[in-house]
Amino acid sequence: MHPLEYWAARATVCWGLAAAAAGAWAHEPVARCHLLDARTVRCRGASNDGDLMPGARMEVIALTGATLVEGTLGADSTLTFQRPPEPFYVLFDTGPGLQVTVEQDEITTPPAGRVPVWMREP
C-alpha cells in the first residue's frame, strides 16, 4: 500500500469515528426543575441540542427508593407534580445509559424576571 493511501484510509476512519461520537453526544438528556409555588414543581426534559422529548419517562423517587410519581412528559416536554413531603430526587430516563437526575435541593424558584418560557402558564 502506498503511504498516501495508508494515511488517507486512516483519516477516513478517524473522521468516521469522530462523526459517530458527535452523533452519540448530540442527544444527551437534560432536565431542569423549578418551583411554580411552594407546593408545585414543574420539570422539563429535553436533549442537549434543544429537542423536546414528549412522551419520555420522568420519575420522582424518594431517597428510600420508593417511586412517588411516575409519568411521561407532555407535548410541551414538561411534567408538573406536587412536591413530596419526604426527601426526593427527579429521574429523567430516556433509555439505557441516558439518565439524568435533579436533586431536591436544586429545585428552586427561578430568579425574578428570568422565568423560563416553559414555566409560564399557557
PDB file of N, CA and C in Angstrom:
ATOM      1  N   MET A   1       0.848  -1.171   0.000  1.00  0.00           N
ATOM      2  CA  MET A   1       0.000   0.000   0.000  1.00  0.00           C
ATOM      3  C   MET A   1       0.899   1.241   0.000  1.00  0.00           C
ATOM      4  N   HIS A   2       0.547   2.168  -0.798  1.00  0.00           N
ATOM      5  CA  HIS A   2       1.279   3.425  -0.901  1.00  0.00           C
ATOM      6  C   HIS A   2       1.043   4.232   0.382  1.00  0.00           C
ATOM      7  N   PRO A   3       2.094   4.914   0.905  1.00  0.00           N
ATOM      8  CA  PRO A   3       1.940   5.665   2.153  1.00  0.00           C
ATOM      9  C   PRO A   3       0.787   6.675   2.119  1.00  0.00           C
ATOM     10  N   LEU A   4       0.561   7.298   0.969  1.00  0.00           N
ATOM     11  CA  LEU A   4      -0.532   8.265   0.859  1.00  0.00           C
ATOM     12  C   LEU A   4      -1.881   7.568   1.027  1.00  0.00           C
ATOM     13  N   GLU A   5      -2.035   6.374   0.446  1.00  0.00           N
ATOM     14  CA  GLU A   5      -3.277   5.609   0.595  1.00  0.00           C
ATOM     15  C   GLU A   5      -3.482   5.189   2.049  1.00  0.00           C
ATOM     16  N   TYR A   6      -2.381   4.799   2.704  1.00  0.00           N
ATOM     17  CA  TYR A   6      -2.449   4.386   4.105  1.00  0.00           C
ATOM     18  C   TYR A   6      -2.985   5.525   4.961  1.00  0.00           C
ATOM     19  N   TRP A   7      -2.414   6.727   4.807  1.00  0.00           N
ATOM     20  CA  TRP A   7      -2.841   7.864   5.617  1.00  0.00           C
ATOM     21  C   TRP A   7      -4.235   8.345   5.236  1.00  0.00           C
ATOM     22  N   ALA A   8      -4.613   8.233   3.989  1.00  0.00           N
ATOM     23  CA  ALA A   8      -5.972   8.603   3.560  1.00  0.00           C
ATOM     24  C   ALA A   8      -6.994   7.664   4.199  1.00  0.00           C
ATOM     25  N   ALA A   9      -6.663   6.368   4.251  1.00  0.00           N
ATOM     26  CA  ALA A   9      -7.561   5.398   4.875  1.00  0.00           C
ATOM     27  C   ALA A   9      -7.696   5.675   6.367  1.00  0.00           C
ATOM     28  N   ARG A  10      -6.593   5.964   7.024  1.00  0.00           N
ATOM     29  CA  ARG A  10      -6.638   6.258   8.465  1.00  0.00           C
ATOM     30  C   ARG A  10      -7.450   7.518   8.738  1.00  0.00           C
ATOM     31  N   ALA A  11      -7.280   8.530   7.904  1.00  0.00           N
ATOM     32  CA  ALA A  11      -8.032   9.771   8.079  1.00  0.00           C
ATOM     33  C   ALA A  11      -9.528   9.526   7.913  1.00  0.00           C
ATOM     34  N   THR A  12      -9.885   8.683   6.952  1.00  0.00           N
ATOM     35  CA  THR A  12     -11.295   8.361   6.732  1.00  0.00           C
ATOM     36  C   THR A  12     -11.885   7.670   7.959  1.00  0.00           C
ATOM     37  N   VAL A  13     -11.152   6.727   8.524  1.00  0.00           N
ATOM     38  CA  VAL A  13     -11.614   6.018   9.717  1.00  0.00           C
ATOM     39  C   VAL A  13     -11.761   6.993  10.882  1.00  0.00           C
ATOM     40  N   CYS A  14     -10.780   7.868  11.066  1.00  0.00           N
ATOM     41  CA  CYS A  14     -10.841   8.841  12.163  1.00  0.00           C
ATOM     42  C   CYS A  14     -12.045   9.770  12.014  1.00  0.00           C
ATOM     43  N   TRP A  15     -12.286  10.260  10.798  1.00  0.00           N
ATOM     44  CA  TRP A  15     -13.437  11.135  10.569  1.00  0.00           C
ATOM     45  C   TRP A  15     -14.731  10.395  10.838  1.00  0.00           C
ATOM     46  N   GLY A  16     -14.796   9.137  10.448  1.00  0.00           N
ATOM     47  CA  GLY A  16     -15.998   8.335  10.697  1.00  0.00           C
ATOM     48  C   GLY A  16     -16.249   8.145  12.174  1.00  0.00           C
ATOM     49  N   LEU A  17     -15.201   7.850  12.933  1.00  0.00           N
ATOM     50  CA  LEU A  17     -15.347   7.690  14.377  1.00  0.00           C
ATOM     51  C   LEU A  17     -15.742   9.004  15.043  1.00  0.00           C
ATOM     52  N   ALA A  18     -15.153  10.088  14.603  1.00  0.00           N
ATOM     53  CA  ALA A  18     -15.493  11.395  15.167  1.00  0.00           C
ATOM     54  C   ALA A  18     -16.952  11.750  14.888  1.00  0.00           C
ATOM     55  N   ALA A  19     -17.432  11.459  13.702  1.00  0.00           N
ATOM     56  CA  ALA A  19     -18.830  11.740  13.351  1.00  0.00           C
ATOM     57  C   ALA A  19     -19.774  10.879  14.181  1.00  0.00           C
ATOM     58  N   ALA A  20     -19.420   9.620  14.384  1.00  0.00           N
ATOM     59  CA  ALA A  20     -20.258   8.729  15.196  1.00  0.00           C
ATOM     60  C   ALA A  20     -20.288   9.205  16.639  1.00  0.00           C
ATOM     61  N   ALA A  21     -19.163   9.624  17.158  1.00  0.00           N
ATOM     62  CA  ALA A  21     -19.108  10.111  18.534  1.00  0.00           C
ATOM     63  C   ALA A  21     -19.913  11.396  18.684  1.00  0.00           C
ATOM     64  N   ALA A  22     -19.832  12.275  17.720  1.00  0.00           N
ATOM     65  CA  ALA A  22     -20.599  13.525  17.775  1.00  0.00           C
ATOM     66  C   ALA A  22     -22.085  13.223  17.764  1.00  0.00           C
ATOM     67  N   GLY A  23     -22.514  12.255  16.988  1.00  0.00           N
ATOM     68  CA  GLY A  23     -23.920  11.870  16.953  1.00  0.00           C
ATOM     69  C   GLY A  23     -24.372  11.307  18.274  1.00  0.00           C
ATOM     70  N   ALA A  24     -23.521  10.555  18.930  1.00  0.00           N
ATOM     71  CA  ALA A  24     -23.878   9.974  20.222  1.00  0.00           C
ATOM     72  C   ALA A  24     -24.041  11.052  21.279  1.00  0.00           C
ATOM     73  N   TRP A  25     -23.227  12.093  21.242  1.00  0.00           N
ATOM     74  CA  TRP A  25     -23.309  13.166  22.215  1.00  0.00           C
ATOM     75  C   TRP A  25     -24.458  14.125  21.922  1.00  0.00           C
ATOM     76  N   ALA A  26     -24.999  14.095  20.729  1.00  0.00           N
ATOM     77  CA  ALA A  26     -25.985  15.079  20.311  1.00  0.00           C
ATOM     78  C   ALA A  26     -27.311  14.963  21.043  1.00  0.00           C
ATOM     79  N   HIS A  27     -27.606  13.839  21.656  1.00  0.00           N
ATOM     80  CA  HIS A  27     -28.930  13.672  22.258  1.00  0.00           C
ATOM     81  C   HIS A  27     -28.868  13.249  23.718  1.00  0.00           C
ATOM     82  N   GLU A  28     -27.958  13.814  24.470  1.00  0.00           N
ATOM     83  CA  GLU A  28     -27.922  13.551  25.904  1.00  0.00           C
ATOM     84  C   GLU A  28     -29.113  14.239  26.554  1.00  0.00           C
ATOM     85  N   PRO A  29     -29.734  13.581  27.541  1.00  0.00           N
ATOM     86  CA  PRO A  29     -30.868  14.208  28.207  1.00  0.00           C
ATOM     87  C   PRO A  29     -30.436  15.337  29.132  1.00  0.00           C
ATOM     88  N   VAL A  30     -31.285  16.348  29.206  1.00  0.00           N
ATOM     89  CA  VAL A  30     -31.085  17.484  30.097  1.00  0.00           C
ATOM     90  C   VAL A  30     -32.414  17.707  30.813  1.00  0.00           C
ATOM     91  N   ALA A  31     -32.380  17.901  32.112  1.00  0.00           N
ATOM     92  CA  ALA A  31     -33.603  18.158  32.868  1.00  0.00           C
ATOM     93  C   ALA A  31     -33.410  19.376  33.762  1.00  0.00           C
ATOM     94  N   ARG A  32     -34.447  20.170  33.852  1.00  0.00           N
ATOM     95  CA  ARG A  32     -34.477  21.336  34.734  1.00  0.00           C
ATOM     96  C   ARG A  32     -35.799  21.289  35.489  1.00  0.00           C
ATOM     97  N   CYS A  33     -35.753  21.622  36.765  1.00  0.00           N
ATOM     98  CA  CYS A  33     -36.960  21.663  37.579  1.00  0.00           C
ATOM     99  C   CYS A  33     -36.980  22.960  38.373  1.00  0.00           C
ATOM    100  N   HIS A  34     -38.176  23.551  38.488  1.00  0.00           N
ATOM    101  CA  HIS A  34     -38.356  24.773  39.264  1.00  0.00           C
ATOM    102  C   HIS A  34     -39.662  24.686  40.034  1.00  0.00           C
ATOM    103  N   LEU A  35     -39.755  25.470  41.073  1.00  0.00           N
ATOM    104  CA  LEU A  35     -40.991  25.574  41.842  1.00  0.00           C
ATOM    105  C   LEU A  35     -41.926  26.567  41.161  1.00  0.00           C
ATOM    106  N   LEU A  36     -43.167  26.144  40.939  1.00  0.00           N
ATOM    107  CA  LEU A  36     -44.190  27.088  40.476  1.00  0.00           C
ATOM    108  C   LEU A  36     -44.715  27.883  41.663  1.00  0.00           C
ATOM    109  N   ASP A  37     -44.851  27.185  42.788  1.00  0.00           N
ATOM    110  CA  ASP A  37     -45.212  27.793  44.065  1.00  0.00           C
ATOM    111  C   ASP A  37     -44.616  26.889  45.141  1.00  0.00           C
ATOM    112  N   ALA A  38     -44.964  27.108  46.383  1.00  0.00           N
ATOM    113  CA  ALA A  38     -44.333  26.352  47.478  1.00  0.00           C
ATOM    114  C   ALA A  38     -44.614  24.856  47.411  1.00  0.00           C
ATOM    115  N   ARG A  39     -45.691  24.458  46.744  1.00  0.00           N
ATOM    116  CA  ARG A  39     -46.065  23.044  46.711  1.00  0.00           C
ATOM    117  C   ARG A  39     -46.003  22.388  45.348  1.00  0.00           C
ATOM    118  N   THR A  40     -45.762  23.137  44.289  1.00  0.00           N
ATOM    119  CA  THR A  40     -45.844  22.586  42.939  1.00  0.00           C
ATOM    120  C   THR A  40     -44.514  22.705  42.208  1.00  0.00           C
ATOM    121  N   VAL A  41     -44.090  21.596  41.605  1.00  0.00           N
ATOM    122  CA  VAL A  41     -42.835  21.533  40.856  1.00  0.00           C
ATOM    123  C   VAL A  41     -43.158  21.296  39.382  1.00  0.00           C
ATOM    124  N   ARG A  42     -42.458  21.982  38.512  1.00  0.00           N
ATOM    125  CA  ARG A  42     -42.554  21.705  37.076  1.00  0.00           C
ATOM    126  C   ARG A  42     -41.155  21.399  36.571  1.00  0.00           C
ATOM    127  N   CYS A  43     -41.043  20.258  35.888  1.00  0.00           N
ATOM    128  CA  CYS A  43     -39.766  19.843  35.308  1.00  0.00           C
ATOM    129  C   CYS A  43     -39.893  19.789  33.791  1.00  0.00           C
ATOM    130  N   ARG A  44     -38.808  20.084  33.132  1.00  0.00           N
ATOM    131  CA  ARG A  44     -38.751  19.995  31.673  1.00  0.00           C
ATOM    132  C   ARG A  44     -37.596  19.090  31.300  1.00  0.00           C
ATOM    133  N   GLY A  45     -37.872  18.172  30.399  1.00  0.00           N
ATOM    134  CA  GLY A  45     -36.839  17.299  29.871  1.00  0.00           C
ATOM    135  C   GLY A  45     -36.653  17.572  28.391  1.00  0.00           C
ATOM    136  N   ALA A  46     -35.425  17.577  27.953  1.00  0.00           N
ATOM    137  CA  ALA A  46     -35.107  17.820  26.548  1.00  0.00           C
ATOM    138  C   ALA A  46     -33.763  17.169  26.258  1.00  0.00           C
ATOM    139  N   SER A  47     -33.332  17.272  25.016  1.00  0.00           N
ATOM    140  CA  SER A  47     -31.990  16.801  24.680  1.00  0.00           C
ATOM    141  C   SER A  47     -31.054  17.997  24.762  1.00  0.00           C
ATOM    142  N   ASN A  48     -29.772  17.735  24.851  1.00  0.00           N
ATOM    143  CA  ASN A  48     -28.819  18.834  24.994  1.00  0.00           C
ATOM    144  C   ASN A  48     -28.727  19.713  23.753  1.00  0.00           C
ATOM    145  N   ASP A  49     -29.307  19.268  22.640  1.00  0.00           N
ATOM    146  CA  ASP A  49     -29.324  20.135  21.461  1.00  0.00           C
ATOM    147  C   ASP A  49     -30.666  20.853  21.312  1.00  0.00           C
ATOM    148  N   GLY A  50     -31.500  20.788  22.374  1.00  0.00           N
ATOM    149  CA  GLY A  50     -32.733  21.565  22.403  1.00  0.00           C
ATOM    150  C   GLY A  50     -33.981  20.848  21.936  1.00  0.00           C
ATOM    151  N   ASP A  51     -33.870  19.614  21.460  1.00  0.00           N
ATOM    152  CA  ASP A  51     -35.054  18.885  21.008  1.00  0.00           C
ATOM    153  C   ASP A  51     -35.942  18.538  22.192  1.00  0.00           C
ATOM    154  N   LEU A  52     -37.237  18.802  22.058  1.00  0.00           N
ATOM    155  CA  LEU A  52     -38.186  18.402  23.080  1.00  0.00           C
ATOM    156  C   LEU A  52     -38.332  16.888  23.051  1.00  0.00           C
ATOM    157  N   MET A  53     -38.776  16.323  24.159  1.00  0.00           N
ATOM    158  CA  MET A  53     -38.890  14.866  24.261  1.00  0.00           C
ATOM    159  C   MET A  53     -40.241  14.463  24.849  1.00  0.00           C
ATOM    160  N   PRO A  54     -41.353  14.877  24.214  1.00  0.00           N
ATOM    161  CA  PRO A  54     -42.650  14.479  24.743  1.00  0.00           C
ATOM    162  C   PRO A  54     -42.759  12.955  24.763  1.00  0.00           C
ATOM    163  N   GLY A  55     -43.383  12.452  25.814  1.00  0.00           N
ATOM    164  CA  GLY A  55     -43.544  11.007  25.950  1.00  0.00           C
ATOM    165  C   GLY A  55     -42.407  10.327  26.687  1.00  0.00           C
ATOM    166  N   ALA A  56     -41.305  11.032  26.932  1.00  0.00           N
ATOM    167  CA  ALA A  56     -40.184  10.435  27.666  1.00  0.00           C
ATOM    168  C   ALA A  56     -40.584  10.265  29.140  1.00  0.00           C
ATOM    169  N   ARG A  57     -39.963   9.302  29.784  1.00  0.00           N
ATOM    170  CA  ARG A  57     -40.312   8.959  31.167  1.00  0.00           C
ATOM    171  C   ARG A  57     -39.574   9.844  32.169  1.00  0.00           C
ATOM    172  N   MET A  58     -40.318  10.265  33.204  1.00  0.00           N
ATOM    173  CA  MET A  58     -39.731  11.012  34.306  1.00  0.00           C
ATOM    174  C   MET A  58     -40.352  10.465  35.584  1.00  0.00           C
ATOM    175  N   GLU A  59     -39.513  10.288  36.605  1.00  0.00           N
ATOM    176  CA  GLU A  59     -39.987   9.763  37.883  1.00  0.00           C
ATOM    177  C   GLU A  59     -39.507  10.645  39.020  1.00  0.00           C
ATOM    178  N   VAL A  60     -40.316  10.690  40.066  1.00  0.00           N
ATOM    179  CA  VAL A  60     -39.933  11.339  41.306  1.00  0.00           C
ATOM    180  C   VAL A  60     -39.724  10.198  42.293  1.00  0.00           C
ATOM    181  N   ILE A  61     -38.517  10.118  42.858  1.00  0.00           N
ATOM    182  CA  ILE A  61     -38.137   8.969  43.678  1.00  0.00           C
ATOM    183  C   ILE A  61     -37.700   9.446  45.058  1.00  0.00           C
ATOM    184  N   ALA A  62     -38.255   8.806  46.083  1.00  0.00           N
ATOM    185  CA  ALA A  62     -37.852   9.104  47.457  1.00  0.00           C
ATOM    186  C   ALA A  62     -36.442   8.584  47.682  1.00  0.00           C
ATOM    187  N   LEU A  63     -35.743   9.182  48.613  1.00  0.00           N
ATOM    188  CA  LEU A  63     -34.381   8.719  48.906  1.00  0.00           C
ATOM    189  C   LEU A  63     -34.375   7.288  49.447  1.00  0.00           C
ATOM    190  N   THR A  64     -35.534   6.800  49.873  1.00  0.00           N
ATOM    191  CA  THR A  64     -35.651   5.404  50.302  1.00  0.00           C
ATOM    192  C   THR A  64     -35.715   4.454  49.115  1.00  0.00           C
ATOM    193  N   GLY A  65     -35.909   5.009  47.905  1.00  0.00           N
ATOM    194  CA  GLY A  65     -36.005   4.197  46.697  1.00  0.00           C
ATOM    195  C   GLY A  65     -37.418   4.019  46.186  1.00  0.00           C
ATOM    196  N   ALA A  66     -38.408   4.429  46.954  1.00  0.00           N
ATOM    197  CA  ALA A  66     -39.807   4.291  46.537  1.00  0.00           C
ATOM    198  C   ALA A  66     -40.138   5.308  45.447  1.00  0.00           C
ATOM    199  N   THR A  67     -40.877   4.857  44.433  1.00  0.00           N
ATOM    200  CA  THR A  67     -41.331   5.765  43.382  1.00  0.00           C
ATOM    201  C   THR A  67     -42.543   6.522  43.889  1.00  0.00           C
ATOM    202  N   LEU A  68     -42.444   7.844  43.903  1.00  0.00           N
ATOM    203  CA  LEU A  68     -43.522   8.698  44.402  1.00  0.00           C
ATOM    204  C   LEU A  68     -44.438   9.171  43.286  1.00  0.00           C
ATOM    205  N   VAL A  69     -43.861   9.516  42.153  1.00  0.00           N
ATOM    206  CA  VAL A  69     -44.610   9.973  40.979  1.00  0.00           C
ATOM    207  C   VAL A  69     -43.936   9.358  39.771  1.00  0.00           C
ATOM    208  N   GLU A  70     -44.735   8.832  38.865  1.00  0.00           N
ATOM    209  CA  GLU A  70     -44.209   8.286  37.619  1.00  0.00           C
ATOM    210  C   GLU A  70     -45.068   8.840  36.499  1.00  0.00           C
ATOM    211  N   GLY A  71     -44.429   9.415  35.500  1.00  0.00           N
ATOM    212  CA  GLY A  71     -45.205   9.985  34.410  1.00  0.00           C
ATOM    213  C   GLY A  71     -44.388  10.127  33.148  1.00  0.00           C
ATOM    214  N   THR A  72     -45.058  10.600  32.119  1.00  0.00           N
ATOM    215  CA  THR A  72     -44.376  10.888  30.865  1.00  0.00           C
ATOM    216  C   THR A  72     -44.531  12.375  30.573  1.00  0.00           C
ATOM    217  N   LEU A  73     -43.562  12.908  29.891  1.00  0.00           N
ATOM    218  CA  LEU A  73     -43.577  14.326  29.563  1.00  0.00           C
ATOM    219  C   LEU A  73     -44.699  14.618  28.580  1.00  0.00           C
ATOM    220  N   GLY A  74     -45.367  15.751  28.788  1.00  0.00           N
ATOM    221  CA  GLY A  74     -46.448  16.164  27.903  1.00  0.00           C
ATOM    222  C   GLY A  74     -45.918  16.721  26.590  1.00  0.00           C
ATOM    223  N   ALA A  75     -46.825  17.223  25.775  1.00  0.00           N
ATOM    224  CA  ALA A  75     -46.468  17.757  24.454  1.00  0.00           C
ATOM    225  C   ALA A  75     -45.451  18.887  24.552  1.00  0.00           C
ATOM    226  N   ASP A  76     -45.466  19.622  25.678  1.00  0.00           N
ATOM    227  CA  ASP A  76     -44.504  20.711  25.876  1.00  0.00           C
ATOM    228  C   ASP A  76     -43.232  20.231  26.565  1.00  0.00           C
ATOM    229  N   SER A  77     -43.105  18.903  26.713  1.00  0.00           N
ATOM    230  CA  SER A  77     -41.920  18.269  27.298  1.00  0.00           C
ATOM    231  C   SER A  77     -41.758  18.587  28.788  1.00  0.00           C
ATOM    232  N   THR A  78     -42.899  18.805  29.478  1.00  0.00           N
ATOM    233  CA  THR A  78     -42.847  19.085  30.911  1.00  0.00           C
ATOM    234  C   THR A  78     -43.699  18.090  31.698  1.00  0.00           C
ATOM    235  N   LEU A  79     -43.402  18.005  32.981  1.00  0.00           N
ATOM    236  CA  LEU A  79     -44.183  17.234  33.939  1.00  0.00           C
ATOM    237  C   LEU A  79     -44.341  18.104  35.180  1.00  0.00           C
ATOM    238  N   THR A  80     -45.576  18.266  35.632  1.00  0.00           N
ATOM    239  CA  THR A  80     -45.861  19.070  36.814  1.00  0.00           C
ATOM    240  C   THR A  80     -46.417  18.147  37.893  1.00  0.00           C
ATOM    241  N   PHE A  81     -45.938  18.313  39.137  1.00  0.00           N
ATOM    242  CA  PHE A  81     -46.375  17.445  40.226  1.00  0.00           C
ATOM    243  C   PHE A  81     -46.318  18.190  41.547  1.00  0.00           C
ATOM    244  N   GLN A  82     -47.021  17.635  42.540  1.00  0.00           N
ATOM    245  CA  GLN A  82     -46.997  18.197  43.883  1.00  0.00           C
ATOM    246  C   GLN A  82     -45.691  17.794  44.561  1.00  0.00           C
ATOM    247  N   ARG A  83     -45.062  18.747  45.200  1.00  0.00           N
ATOM    248  CA  ARG A  83     -43.790  18.496  45.887  1.00  0.00           C
ATOM    249  C   ARG A  83     -44.015  17.507  47.040  1.00  0.00           C
ATOM    250  N   PRO A  84     -43.302  16.385  47.022  1.00  0.00           N
ATOM    251  CA  PRO A  84     -43.473  15.403  48.086  1.00  0.00           C
ATOM    252  C   PRO A  84     -42.952  15.939  49.429  1.00  0.00           C
ATOM    253  N   PRO A  85     -43.544  15.465  50.542  1.00  0.00           N
ATOM    254  CA  PRO A  85     -43.076  15.927  51.845  1.00  0.00           C
ATOM    255  C   PRO A  85     -41.736  15.304  52.247  1.00  0.00           C
ATOM    256  N   GLU A  86     -41.426  14.111  51.716  1.00  0.00           N
ATOM    257  CA  GLU A  86     -40.172  13.444  52.067  1.00  0.00           C
ATOM    258  C   GLU A  86     -39.060  13.811  51.082  1.00  0.00           C
ATOM    259  N   PRO A  87     -37.807  13.606  51.458  1.00  0.00           N
ATOM    260  CA  PRO A  87     -36.679  13.888  50.556  1.00  0.00           C
ATOM    261  C   PRO A  87     -36.797  13.062  49.272  1.00  0.00           C
ATOM    262  N   PHE A  88     -36.459  13.698  48.130  1.00  0.00           N
ATOM    263  CA  PHE A  88     -36.646  13.046  46.837  1.00  0.00           C
ATOM    264  C   PHE A  88     -35.638  13.575  45.822  1.00  0.00           C
ATOM    265  N   TYR A  89     -35.637  12.910  44.674  1.00  0.00           N
ATOM    266  CA  TYR A  89     -34.932  13.413  43.502  1.00  0.00           C
ATOM    267  C   TYR A  89     -35.771  13.082  42.275  1.00  0.00           C
ATOM    268  N   VAL A  90     -35.484  13.741  41.158  1.00  0.00           N
ATOM    269  CA  VAL A  90     -36.204  13.523  39.905  1.00  0.00           C
ATOM    270  C   VAL A  90     -35.270  12.787  38.961  1.00  0.00           C
ATOM    271  N   LEU A  91     -35.770  11.729  38.348  1.00  0.00           N
ATOM    272  CA  LEU A  91     -35.006  10.942  37.383  1.00  0.00           C
ATOM    273  C   LEU A  91     -35.633  11.112  36.015  1.00  0.00           C
ATOM    274  N   PHE A  92     -34.846  11.595  35.071  1.00  0.00           N
ATOM    275  CA  PHE A  92     -35.266  11.718  33.673  1.00  0.00           C
ATOM    276  C   PHE A  92     -34.542  10.624  32.916  1.00  0.00           C
ATOM    277  N   ASP A  93     -35.294   9.660  32.406  1.00  0.00           N
ATOM    278  CA  ASP A  93     -34.725   8.443  31.820  1.00  0.00           C
ATOM    279  C   ASP A  93     -35.177   8.319  30.374  1.00  0.00           C
ATOM    280  N   THR A  94     -34.236   8.453  29.441  1.00  0.00           N
ATOM    281  CA  THR A  94     -34.588   8.344  28.028  1.00  0.00           C
ATOM    282  C   THR A  94     -34.057   7.067  27.391  1.00  0.00           C
ATOM    283  N   GLY A  95     -33.514   6.179  28.195  1.00  0.00           N
ATOM    284  CA  GLY A  95     -33.027   4.905  27.673  1.00  0.00           C
ATOM    285  C   GLY A  95     -31.765   4.462  28.388  1.00  0.00           C
ATOM    286  N   PRO A  96     -31.298   3.266  28.055  1.00  0.00           N
ATOM    287  CA  PRO A  96     -30.102   2.729  28.720  1.00  0.00           C
ATOM    288  C   PRO A  96     -28.909   3.691  28.615  1.00  0.00           C
ATOM    289  N   GLY A  97     -28.367   4.037  29.763  1.00  0.00           N
ATOM    290  CA  GLY A  97     -27.213   4.923  29.798  1.00  0.00           C
ATOM    291  C   GLY A  97     -27.539   6.384  29.567  1.00  0.00           C
ATOM    292  N   LEU A  98     -28.821   6.710  29.430  1.00  0.00           N
ATOM    293  CA  LEU A  98     -29.228   8.085  29.146  1.00  0.00           C
ATOM    294  C   LEU A  98     -30.183   8.588  30.225  1.00  0.00           C
ATOM    295  N   GLN A  99     -29.665   8.703  31.426  1.00  0.00           N
ATOM    296  CA  GLN A  99     -30.444   9.197  32.548  1.00  0.00           C
ATOM    297  C   GLN A  99     -29.768  10.423  33.141  1.00  0.00           C
ATOM    298  N   VAL A 100     -30.590  11.281  33.707  1.00  0.00           N
ATOM    299  CA  VAL A 100     -30.088  12.445  34.422  1.00  0.00           C
ATOM    300  C   VAL A 100     -30.976  12.640  35.647  1.00  0.00           C
ATOM    301  N   THR A 101     -30.381  13.091  36.733  1.00  0.00           N
ATOM    302  CA  THR A 101     -31.160  13.345  37.944  1.00  0.00           C
ATOM    303  C   THR A 101     -31.093  14.813  38.323  1.00  0.00           C
ATOM    304  N   VAL A 102     -32.159  15.250  38.977  1.00  0.00           N
ATOM    305  CA  VAL A 102     -32.216  16.586  39.553  1.00  0.00           C
ATOM    306  C   VAL A 102     -32.456  16.371  41.042  1.00  0.00           C
ATOM    307  N   GLU A 103     -31.521  16.818  41.849  1.00  0.00           N
ATOM    308  CA  GLU A 103     -31.632  16.647  43.294  1.00  0.00           C
ATOM    309  C   GLU A 103     -32.620  17.664  43.863  1.00  0.00           C
ATOM    310  N   GLN A 104     -33.261  17.307  44.945  1.00  0.00           N
ATOM    311  CA  GLN A 104     -34.275  18.153  45.569  1.00  0.00           C
ATOM    312  C   GLN A 104     -33.748  19.551  45.871  1.00  0.00           C
ATOM    313  N   ASP A 105     -32.529  19.662  46.358  1.00  0.00           N
ATOM    314  CA  ASP A 105     -32.003  20.989  46.704  1.00  0.00           C
ATOM    315  C   ASP A 105     -31.673  21.855  45.492  1.00  0.00           C
ATOM    316  N   GLU A 106     -31.725  21.284  44.288  1.00  0.00           N
ATOM    317  CA  GLU A 106     -31.526  22.050  43.053  1.00  0.00           C
ATOM    318  C   GLU A 106     -32.828  22.673  42.552  1.00  0.00           C
ATOM    319  N   ILE A 107     -33.944  22.266  43.144  1.00  0.00           N
ATOM    320  CA  ILE A 107     -35.255  22.732  42.687  1.00  0.00           C
ATOM    321  C   ILE A 107     -35.632  23.978  43.476  1.00  0.00           C
ATOM    322  N   THR A 108     -35.567  25.112  42.803  1.00  0.00           N
ATOM    323  CA  THR A 108     -35.828  26.398  43.436  1.00  0.00           C
ATOM    324  C   THR A 108     -36.756  27.223  42.551  1.00  0.00           C
ATOM    325  N   THR A 109     -37.158  28.363  43.066  1.00  0.00           N
ATOM    326  CA  THR A 109     -37.935  29.312  42.273  1.00  0.00           C
ATOM    327  C   THR A 109     -36.980  30.021  41.325  1.00  0.00           C
ATOM    328  N   PRO A 110     -37.359  30.177  40.057  1.00  0.00           N
ATOM    329  CA  PRO A 110     -36.460  30.904  39.147  1.00  0.00           C
ATOM    330  C   PRO A 110     -36.292  32.354  39.584  1.00  0.00           C
ATOM    331  N   PRO A 111     -35.141  32.944  39.288  1.00  0.00           N
ATOM    332  CA  PRO A 111     -34.914  34.344  39.667  1.00  0.00           C
ATOM    333  C   PRO A 111     -35.970  35.263  39.052  1.00  0.00           C
ATOM    334  N   ALA A 112     -36.330  36.300  39.766  1.00  0.00           N
ATOM    335  CA  ALA A 112     -37.318  37.271  39.272  1.00  0.00           C
ATOM    336  C   ALA A 112     -36.879  37.824  37.918  1.00  0.00           C
ATOM    337  N   GLY A 113     -37.797  37.876  37.007  1.00  0.00           N
ATOM    338  CA  GLY A 113     -37.509  38.399  35.672  1.00  0.00           C
ATOM    339  C   GLY A 113     -36.815  37.419  34.753  1.00  0.00           C
ATOM    340  N   ARG A 114     -36.541  36.214  35.247  1.00  0.00           N
ATOM    341  CA  ARG A 114     -35.845  35.222  34.418  1.00  0.00           C
ATOM    342  C   ARG A 114     -36.608  33.899  34.398  1.00  0.00           C
ATOM    343  N   VAL A 115     -37.922  33.966  34.410  1.00  0.00           N
ATOM    344  CA  VAL A 115     -38.740  32.768  34.388  1.00  0.00           C
ATOM    345  C   VAL A 115     -38.685  32.168  32.981  1.00  0.00           C
ATOM    346  N   PRO A 116     -38.244  30.899  32.870  1.00  0.00           N
ATOM    347  CA  PRO A 116     -38.172  30.281  31.548  1.00  0.00           C
ATOM    348  C   PRO A 116     -39.549  30.220  30.883  1.00  0.00           C
ATOM    349  N   VAL A 117     -39.585  30.288  29.587  1.00  0.00           N
ATOM    350  CA  VAL A 117     -40.837  30.244  28.831  1.00  0.00           C
ATOM    351  C   VAL A 117     -41.634  29.010  29.203  1.00  0.00           C
ATOM    352  N   TRP A 118     -40.986  27.869  29.359  1.00  0.00           N
ATOM    353  CA  TRP A 118     -41.697  26.622  29.657  1.00  0.00           C
ATOM    354  C   TRP A 118     -42.312  26.613  31.045  1.00  0.00           C
ATOM    355  N   MET A 119     -41.959  27.579  31.895  1.00  0.00           N
ATOM    356  CA  MET A 119     -42.515  27.668  33.245  1.00  0.00           C
ATOM    357  C   MET A 119     -43.786  28.498  33.273  1.00  0.00           C
ATOM    358  N   ARG A 120     -43.993  29.327  32.263  1.00  0.00           N
ATOM    359  CA  ARG A 120     -45.141  30.225  32.249  1.00  0.00           C
ATOM    360  C   ARG A 120     -46.410  29.446  31.926  1.00  0.00           C
ATOM    361  N   GLU A 121     -47.471  29.832  32.584  1.00  0.00           N
ATOM    362  CA  GLU A 121     -48.755  29.186  32.335  1.00  0.00           C
ATOM    363  C   GLU A 121     -49.247  29.575  30.943  1.00  0.00           C
ATOM    364  N   PRO A 122     -49.884  28.640  30.227  1.00  0.00           N
ATOM    365  CA  PRO A 122     -50.389  28.967  28.877  1.00  0.00           C
ATOM    366  C   PRO A 122     -51.515  29.978  28.895  1.00  0.00           C
TER     367      PRO A 122
END
